PDB file of all heavy atoms in Angstrom:
ATOM      1  N   GLU A   1       2.688 -10.141 -15.228  1.00  0.00           N
ATOM      2  CA  GLU A   1       2.808 -10.794 -16.538  1.00  0.00           C
ATOM      3  C   GLU A   1       2.893  -9.771 -17.662  1.00  0.00           C
ATOM      4  O   GLU A   1       3.726  -9.866 -18.553  1.00  0.00           O
ATOM      5  CB  GLU A   1       1.590 -11.706 -16.779  1.00  0.00           C
ATOM      6  CG  GLU A   1       1.653 -12.424 -18.142  1.00  0.00           C
ATOM      7  CD  GLU A   1       0.449 -13.290 -18.402  1.00  0.00           C
ATOM      8  OE1 GLU A   1      -0.396 -13.448 -17.556  1.00  0.00           O
ATOM      9  OE2 GLU A   1       0.358 -13.888 -19.530  1.00  0.00           O
ATOM     10  N   LEU A   2       2.040  -8.745 -17.576  1.00  0.00           N
ATOM     11  CA  LEU A   2       2.053  -7.686 -18.617  1.00  0.00           C
ATOM     12  C   LEU A   2       3.332  -6.870 -18.583  1.00  0.00           C
ATOM     13  O   LEU A   2       3.846  -6.419 -19.620  1.00  0.00           O
ATOM     14  CB  LEU A   2       0.867  -6.763 -18.429  1.00  0.00           C
ATOM     15  CG  LEU A   2      -0.568  -7.392 -18.628  1.00  0.00           C
ATOM     16  CD1 LEU A   2      -1.641  -6.354 -18.375  1.00  0.00           C
ATOM     17  CD2 LEU A   2      -0.659  -7.978 -20.046  1.00  0.00           C
ATOM     18  N   ALA A   3       3.900  -6.668 -17.377  1.00  0.00           N
ATOM     19  CA  ALA A   3       5.132  -5.818 -17.308  1.00  0.00           C
ATOM     20  C   ALA A   3       6.301  -6.558 -17.965  1.00  0.00           C
ATOM     21  O   ALA A   3       7.284  -5.964 -18.397  1.00  0.00           O
ATOM     22  CB  ALA A   3       5.433  -5.604 -15.824  1.00  0.00           C
ATOM     23  N   ARG A   4       6.207  -7.883 -18.083  1.00  0.00           N
ATOM     24  CA  ARG A   4       7.280  -8.679 -18.665  1.00  0.00           C
ATOM     25  C   ARG A   4       7.164  -8.745 -20.246  1.00  0.00           C
ATOM     26  O   ARG A   4       8.082  -9.188 -20.875  1.00  0.00           O
ATOM     27  CB  ARG A   4       7.348 -10.059 -18.129  1.00  0.00           C
ATOM     28  CG  ARG A   4       7.734 -10.128 -16.605  1.00  0.00           C
ATOM     29  CD  ARG A   4       8.078 -11.600 -16.186  1.00  0.00           C
ATOM     30  NE  ARG A   4       6.914 -12.411 -16.311  1.00  0.00           N
ATOM     31  CZ  ARG A   4       6.043 -12.667 -15.387  1.00  0.00           C
ATOM     32  NH1 ARG A   4       6.174 -12.072 -14.228  1.00  0.00           N
ATOM     33  NH2 ARG A   4       4.987 -13.507 -15.560  1.00  0.00           N
ATOM     34  N   LEU A   5       6.046  -8.315 -20.722  1.00  0.00           N
ATOM     35  CA  LEU A   5       5.882  -8.345 -22.189  1.00  0.00           C
ATOM     36  C   LEU A   5       6.658  -7.226 -22.845  1.00  0.00           C
ATOM     37  O   LEU A   5       6.591  -6.097 -22.390  1.00  0.00           O
ATOM     38  CB  LEU A   5       4.397  -8.245 -22.596  1.00  0.00           C
ATOM     39  CG  LEU A   5       3.451  -9.416 -22.199  1.00  0.00           C
ATOM     40  CD1 LEU A   5       2.034  -9.084 -22.604  1.00  0.00           C
ATOM     41  CD2 LEU A   5       3.964 -10.669 -22.894  1.00  0.00           C
ATOM     42  N   ASP A   6       7.328  -7.563 -23.936  1.00  0.00           N
ATOM     43  CA  ASP A   6       8.069  -6.546 -24.694  1.00  0.00           C
ATOM     44  C   ASP A   6       7.541  -6.501 -26.096  1.00  0.00           C
ATOM     45  O   ASP A   6       7.631  -7.481 -26.907  1.00  0.00           O
ATOM     46  CB  ASP A   6       9.576  -6.904 -24.740  1.00  0.00           C
ATOM     47  CG  ASP A   6      10.210  -6.688 -23.362  1.00  0.00           C
ATOM     48  OD1 ASP A   6       9.869  -5.723 -22.709  1.00  0.00           O
ATOM     49  OD2 ASP A   6      11.067  -7.583 -22.990  1.00  0.00           O
ATOM     50  N   ALA A   7       6.906  -5.360 -26.476  1.00  0.00           N
ATOM     51  CA  ALA A   7       6.416  -5.202 -27.824  1.00  0.00           C
ATOM     52  C   ALA A   7       7.558  -5.130 -28.836  1.00  0.00           C
ATOM     53  O   ALA A   7       8.648  -4.564 -28.583  1.00  0.00           O
ATOM     54  CB  ALA A   7       5.611  -3.937 -27.934  1.00  0.00           C
ATOM     55  N   GLU A   8       7.383  -5.747 -30.030  1.00  0.00           N
ATOM     56  CA  GLU A   8       8.445  -5.743 -31.011  1.00  0.00           C
ATOM     57  C   GLU A   8       8.535  -4.435 -31.734  1.00  0.00           C
ATOM     58  O   GLU A   8       9.607  -3.915 -32.039  1.00  0.00           O
ATOM     59  CB  GLU A   8       8.201  -6.906 -31.993  1.00  0.00           C
ATOM     60  CG  GLU A   8       8.314  -8.319 -31.369  1.00  0.00           C
ATOM     61  CD  GLU A   8       8.137  -9.418 -32.335  1.00  0.00           C
ATOM     62  OE1 GLU A   8       7.948  -9.089 -33.572  1.00  0.00           O
ATOM     63  OE2 GLU A   8       8.151 -10.582 -32.000  1.00  0.00           O
ATOM     64  N   ARG A   9       7.400  -3.849 -32.087  1.00  0.00           N
ATOM     65  CA  ARG A   9       7.362  -2.646 -32.880  1.00  0.00           C
ATOM     66  C   ARG A   9       7.685  -1.393 -31.968  1.00  0.00           C
ATOM     67  O   ARG A   9       7.210  -1.320 -30.843  1.00  0.00           O
ATOM     68  CB  ARG A   9       6.033  -2.443 -33.541  1.00  0.00           C
ATOM     69  CG  ARG A   9       5.680  -3.452 -34.582  1.00  0.00           C
ATOM     70  CD  ARG A   9       4.293  -3.216 -35.098  1.00  0.00           C
ATOM     71  NE  ARG A   9       3.823  -4.204 -36.118  1.00  0.00           N
ATOM     72  CZ  ARG A   9       4.019  -4.005 -37.403  1.00  0.00           C
ATOM     73  NH1 ARG A   9       4.568  -2.926 -37.852  1.00  0.00           N
ATOM     74  NH2 ARG A   9       3.603  -4.927 -38.318  1.00  0.00           N
ATOM     75  N   ILE A  10       8.419  -0.532 -32.466  1.00  0.00           N
ATOM     76  CA  ILE A  10       8.754   0.752 -31.788  1.00  0.00           C
ATOM     77  C   ILE A  10       7.432   1.495 -31.526  1.00  0.00           C
ATOM     78  O   ILE A  10       7.227   2.128 -30.501  1.00  0.00           O
ATOM     79  CB  ILE A  10       9.774   1.593 -32.587  1.00  0.00           C
ATOM     80  CG1 ILE A  10      11.142   0.866 -32.518  1.00  0.00           C
ATOM     81  CG2 ILE A  10       9.885   3.024 -31.915  1.00  0.00           C
ATOM     82  CD1 ILE A  10      12.221   1.635 -33.247  1.00  0.00           C
ATOM     83  N   CYS A  11       6.531   1.535 -32.564  1.00  0.00           N
ATOM     84  CA  CYS A  11       5.327   2.293 -32.417  1.00  0.00           C
ATOM     85  C   CYS A  11       4.501   1.778 -31.201  1.00  0.00           C
ATOM     86  O   CYS A  11       3.896   2.527 -30.462  1.00  0.00           O
ATOM     87  CB  CYS A  11       4.489   2.260 -33.692  1.00  0.00           C
ATOM     88  SG  CYS A  11       4.056   0.574 -34.305  1.00  0.00           S
ATOM     89  N   CYS A  12       4.457   0.477 -31.022  1.00  0.00           N
ATOM     90  CA  CYS A  12       3.728  -0.184 -29.909  1.00  0.00           C
ATOM     91  C   CYS A  12       4.423   0.178 -28.591  1.00  0.00           C
ATOM     92  O   CYS A  12       3.651   0.402 -27.570  1.00  0.00           O
ATOM     93  CB  CYS A  12       3.602  -1.689 -30.087  1.00  0.00           C
ATOM     94  SG  CYS A  12       2.665  -2.166 -31.544  1.00  0.00           S
ATOM     95  N   ARG A  13       5.690   0.163 -28.587  1.00  0.00           N
ATOM     96  CA  ARG A  13       6.392   0.528 -27.328  1.00  0.00           C
ATOM     97  C   ARG A  13       6.177   1.932 -26.907  1.00  0.00           C
ATOM     98  O   ARG A  13       5.990   2.239 -25.743  1.00  0.00           O
ATOM     99  CB  ARG A  13       7.880   0.219 -27.461  1.00  0.00           C
ATOM    100  CG  ARG A  13       8.162  -1.283 -27.776  1.00  0.00           C
ATOM    101  CD  ARG A  13       9.566  -1.520 -28.208  1.00  0.00           C
ATOM    102  NE  ARG A  13      10.503  -1.393 -27.125  1.00  0.00           N
ATOM    103  CZ  ARG A  13      11.803  -1.393 -27.265  1.00  0.00           C
ATOM    104  NH1 ARG A  13      12.378  -1.479 -28.489  1.00  0.00           N
ATOM    105  NH2 ARG A  13      12.574  -1.322 -26.210  1.00  0.00           N
ATOM    106  N   LYS A  14       6.114   2.814 -27.894  1.00  0.00           N
ATOM    107  CA  LYS A  14       5.815   4.212 -27.617  1.00  0.00           C
ATOM    108  C   LYS A  14       4.385   4.369 -27.140  1.00  0.00           C
ATOM    109  O   LYS A  14       4.107   5.147 -26.173  1.00  0.00           O
ATOM    110  CB  LYS A  14       6.007   5.087 -28.843  1.00  0.00           C
ATOM    111  CG  LYS A  14       7.456   5.391 -29.205  1.00  0.00           C
ATOM    112  CD  LYS A  14       7.597   6.325 -30.352  1.00  0.00           C
ATOM    113  CE  LYS A  14       9.069   6.616 -30.658  1.00  0.00           C
ATOM    114  NZ  LYS A  14       9.195   7.648 -31.735  1.00  0.00           N
ATOM    115  N   ALA A  15       3.411   3.667 -27.718  1.00  0.00           N
ATOM    116  CA  ALA A  15       2.047   3.734 -27.287  1.00  0.00           C
ATOM    117  C   ALA A  15       1.877   3.200 -25.816  1.00  0.00           C
ATOM    118  O   ALA A  15       1.223   3.853 -25.048  1.00  0.00           O
ATOM    119  CB  ALA A  15       1.172   2.856 -28.198  1.00  0.00           C
ATOM    120  N   GLU A  16       2.600   2.165 -25.518  1.00  0.00           N
ATOM    121  CA  GLU A  16       2.463   1.623 -24.131  1.00  0.00           C
ATOM    122  C   GLU A  16       3.114   2.587 -23.161  1.00  0.00           C
ATOM    123  O   GLU A  16       2.567   2.844 -22.064  1.00  0.00           O
ATOM    124  CB  GLU A  16       3.192   0.246 -24.032  1.00  0.00           C
ATOM    125  CG  GLU A  16       3.007  -0.424 -22.725  1.00  0.00           C
ATOM    126  CD  GLU A  16       3.522  -1.841 -22.704  1.00  0.00           C
ATOM    127  OE1 GLU A  16       4.038  -2.311 -23.745  1.00  0.00           O
ATOM    128  OE2 GLU A  16       3.407  -2.491 -21.620  1.00  0.00           O
ATOM    129  N   LEU A  17       4.287   3.187 -23.478  1.00  0.00           N
ATOM    130  CA  LEU A  17       4.902   4.146 -22.623  1.00  0.00           C
ATOM    131  C   LEU A  17       4.011   5.345 -22.443  1.00  0.00           C
ATOM    132  O   LEU A  17       3.941   5.912 -21.330  1.00  0.00           O
ATOM    133  CB  LEU A  17       6.273   4.558 -23.180  1.00  0.00           C
ATOM    134  CG  LEU A  17       7.071   5.625 -22.423  1.00  0.00           C
ATOM    135  CD1 LEU A  17       7.354   5.175 -21.026  1.00  0.00           C
ATOM    136  CD2 LEU A  17       8.280   6.069 -23.197  1.00  0.00           C
ATOM    137  N   ALA A  18       3.372   5.803 -23.526  1.00  0.00           N
ATOM    138  CA  ALA A  18       2.517   6.963 -23.433  1.00  0.00           C
ATOM    139  C   ALA A  18       1.366   6.731 -22.362  1.00  0.00           C
ATOM    140  O   ALA A  18       1.166   7.603 -21.480  1.00  0.00           O
ATOM    141  CB  ALA A  18       1.882   7.285 -24.770  1.00  0.00           C
ATOM    142  N   ALA A  19       0.770   5.544 -22.418  1.00  0.00           N
ATOM    143  CA  ALA A  19      -0.308   5.218 -21.441  1.00  0.00           C
ATOM    144  C   ALA A  19       0.288   5.182 -19.993  1.00  0.00           C
ATOM    145  O   ALA A  19      -0.354   5.646 -19.077  1.00  0.00           O
ATOM    146  CB  ALA A  19      -0.925   3.942 -21.786  1.00  0.00           C
ATOM    147  N   LEU A  20       1.429   4.570 -19.855  1.00  0.00           N
ATOM    148  CA  LEU A  20       2.073   4.491 -18.546  1.00  0.00           C
ATOM    149  C   LEU A  20       2.324   5.863 -17.910  1.00  0.00           C
ATOM    150  O   LEU A  20       2.173   5.997 -16.758  1.00  0.00           O
ATOM    151  CB  LEU A  20       3.391   3.662 -18.656  1.00  0.00           C
ATOM    152  CG  LEU A  20       3.194   2.147 -18.854  1.00  0.00           C
ATOM    153  CD1 LEU A  20       4.477   1.523 -19.341  1.00  0.00           C
ATOM    154  CD2 LEU A  20       2.775   1.455 -17.535  1.00  0.00           C
ATOM    155  N   LEU A  21       2.756   6.763 -18.801  1.00  0.00           N
ATOM    156  CA  LEU A  21       3.100   8.077 -18.304  1.00  0.00           C
ATOM    157  C   LEU A  21       1.900   9.017 -18.134  1.00  0.00           C
ATOM    158  O   LEU A  21       1.841   9.795 -17.180  1.00  0.00           O
ATOM    159  CB  LEU A  21       4.182   8.694 -19.188  1.00  0.00           C
ATOM    160  CG  LEU A  21       5.543   8.039 -19.224  1.00  0.00           C
ATOM    161  CD1 LEU A  21       6.504   8.748 -20.159  1.00  0.00           C
ATOM    162  CD2 LEU A  21       6.163   7.922 -17.815  1.00  0.00           C
ATOM    163  N   VAL A  22       0.988   9.010 -19.124  1.00  0.00           N
ATOM    164  CA  VAL A  22      -0.151   9.938 -19.136  1.00  0.00           C
ATOM    165  C   VAL A  22      -0.959   9.809 -17.824  1.00  0.00           C
ATOM    166  O   VAL A  22      -1.436  10.770 -17.329  1.00  0.00           O
ATOM    167  CB  VAL A  22      -0.958   9.679 -20.380  1.00  0.00           C
ATOM    168  CG1 VAL A  22      -2.381  10.284 -20.200  1.00  0.00           C
ATOM    169  CG2 VAL A  22      -0.311  10.296 -21.591  1.00  0.00           C
ATOM    170  N   LEU A  23      -1.052   8.564 -17.326  1.00  0.00           N
ATOM    171  CA  LEU A  23      -1.973   8.337 -16.214  1.00  0.00           C
ATOM    172  C   LEU A  23      -1.289   8.435 -14.830  1.00  0.00           C
ATOM    173  O   LEU A  23      -1.924   8.374 -13.826  1.00  0.00           O
ATOM    174  CB  LEU A  23      -2.615   6.938 -16.297  1.00  0.00           C
ATOM    175  CG  LEU A  23      -3.398   6.690 -17.558  1.00  0.00           C
ATOM    176  CD1 LEU A  23      -4.014   5.293 -17.556  1.00  0.00           C
ATOM    177  CD2 LEU A  23      -4.523   7.710 -17.726  1.00  0.00           C
ATOM    178  N   ASN A  24       0.037   8.603 -14.861  1.00  0.00           N
ATOM    179  CA  ASN A  24       0.769   8.543 -13.568  1.00  0.00           C
ATOM    180  C   ASN A  24       1.866   9.538 -13.368  1.00  0.00           C
ATOM    181  O   ASN A  24       2.619   9.500 -12.403  1.00  0.00           O
ATOM    182  CB  ASN A  24       1.410   7.127 -13.356  1.00  0.00           C
ATOM    183  CG  ASN A  24       0.405   6.020 -13.086  1.00  0.00           C
ATOM    184  OD1 ASN A  24      -0.096   5.968 -11.969  1.00  0.00           O
ATOM    185  ND2 ASN A  24       0.033   5.350 -14.097  1.00  0.00           N
ATOM    186  N   THR A  25       1.999  10.502 -14.340  1.00  0.00           N
ATOM    187  CA  THR A  25       3.152  11.367 -14.334  1.00  0.00           C
ATOM    188  C   THR A  25       2.828  12.770 -13.879  1.00  0.00           C
ATOM    189  O   THR A  25       1.745  13.259 -14.163  1.00  0.00           O
ATOM    190  CB  THR A  25       3.810  11.377 -15.744  1.00  0.00           C
ATOM    191  OG1 THR A  25       4.199  10.067 -16.020  1.00  0.00           O
ATOM    192  CG2 THR A  25       5.056  12.270 -15.750  1.00  0.00           C
ATOM    193  N   SER A  26       3.814  13.440 -13.273  1.00  0.00           N
ATOM    194  CA  SER A  26       3.670  14.848 -12.985  1.00  0.00           C
ATOM    195  C   SER A  26       4.996  15.500 -13.357  1.00  0.00           C
ATOM    196  O   SER A  26       6.081  14.789 -13.411  1.00  0.00           O
ATOM    197  CB  SER A  26       3.403  15.066 -11.466  1.00  0.00           C
ATOM    198  OG  SER A  26       4.412  14.442 -10.714  1.00  0.00           O
ATOM    199  N   LEU A  27       5.024  16.738 -13.727  1.00  0.00           N
ATOM    200  CA  LEU A  27       6.177  17.431 -14.066  1.00  0.00           C
ATOM    201  C   LEU A  27       6.487  18.417 -12.904  1.00  0.00           C
ATOM    202  O   LEU A  27       5.662  19.297 -12.608  1.00  0.00           O
ATOM    203  CB  LEU A  27       6.030  18.243 -15.397  1.00  0.00           C
ATOM    204  CG  LEU A  27       5.767  17.406 -16.609  1.00  0.00           C
ATOM    205  CD1 LEU A  27       5.657  18.288 -17.841  1.00  0.00           C
ATOM    206  CD2 LEU A  27       6.849  16.353 -16.827  1.00  0.00           C
ATOM    207  N   LEU A  28       7.598  18.229 -12.224  1.00  0.00           N
ATOM    208  CA  LEU A  28       7.948  18.966 -11.025  1.00  0.00           C
ATOM    209  C   LEU A  28       9.190  19.799 -11.269  1.00  0.00           C
ATOM    210  O   LEU A  28      10.201  19.240 -11.787  1.00  0.00           O
ATOM    211  CB  LEU A  28       8.121  18.076  -9.806  1.00  0.00           C
ATOM    212  CG  LEU A  28       6.908  17.160  -9.461  1.00  0.00           C
ATOM    213  CD1 LEU A  28       7.287  16.236  -8.316  1.00  0.00           C
ATOM    214  CD2 LEU A  28       5.682  17.972  -9.104  1.00  0.00           C
ATOM    215  N   GLU A  29       9.166  21.012 -10.805  1.00  0.00           N
ATOM    216  CA  GLU A  29      10.386  21.889 -10.879  1.00  0.00           C
ATOM    217  C   GLU A  29      11.082  21.861  -9.583  1.00  0.00           C
ATOM    218  O   GLU A  29      10.504  22.155  -8.508  1.00  0.00           O
ATOM    219  CB  GLU A  29       9.962  23.262 -11.278  1.00  0.00           C
ATOM    220  CG  GLU A  29      11.134  24.166 -11.654  1.00  0.00           C
ATOM    221  CD  GLU A  29      10.744  25.488 -12.208  1.00  0.00           C
ATOM    222  OE1 GLU A  29       9.573  25.614 -12.654  1.00  0.00           O
ATOM    223  OE2 GLU A  29      11.593  26.414 -12.228  1.00  0.00           O
ATOM    224  N   GLU A  30      12.360  21.481  -9.584  1.00  0.00           N
ATOM    225  CA  GLU A  30      13.171  21.423  -8.398  1.00  0.00           C
ATOM    226  C   GLU A  30      14.507  22.117  -8.696  1.00  0.00           C
ATOM    227  O   GLU A  30      15.195  21.736  -9.585  1.00  0.00           O
ATOM    228  CB  GLU A  30      13.442  19.975  -7.989  1.00  0.00           C
ATOM    229  CG  GLU A  30      12.141  19.210  -7.639  1.00  0.00           C
ATOM    230  CD  GLU A  30      12.437  17.761  -7.290  1.00  0.00           C
ATOM    231  OE1 GLU A  30      13.594  17.366  -7.389  1.00  0.00           O
ATOM    232  OE2 GLU A  30      11.508  16.971  -6.957  1.00  0.00           O
TER     233      GLU A  30
END
């Protein structure tokens, strides 16, 4: 349900993306 929600404000979308990436992302050199 939450994945289908689309925030209207750009600031909110950036905040959500930040949380999604901060907790699950790695930077890999290939």
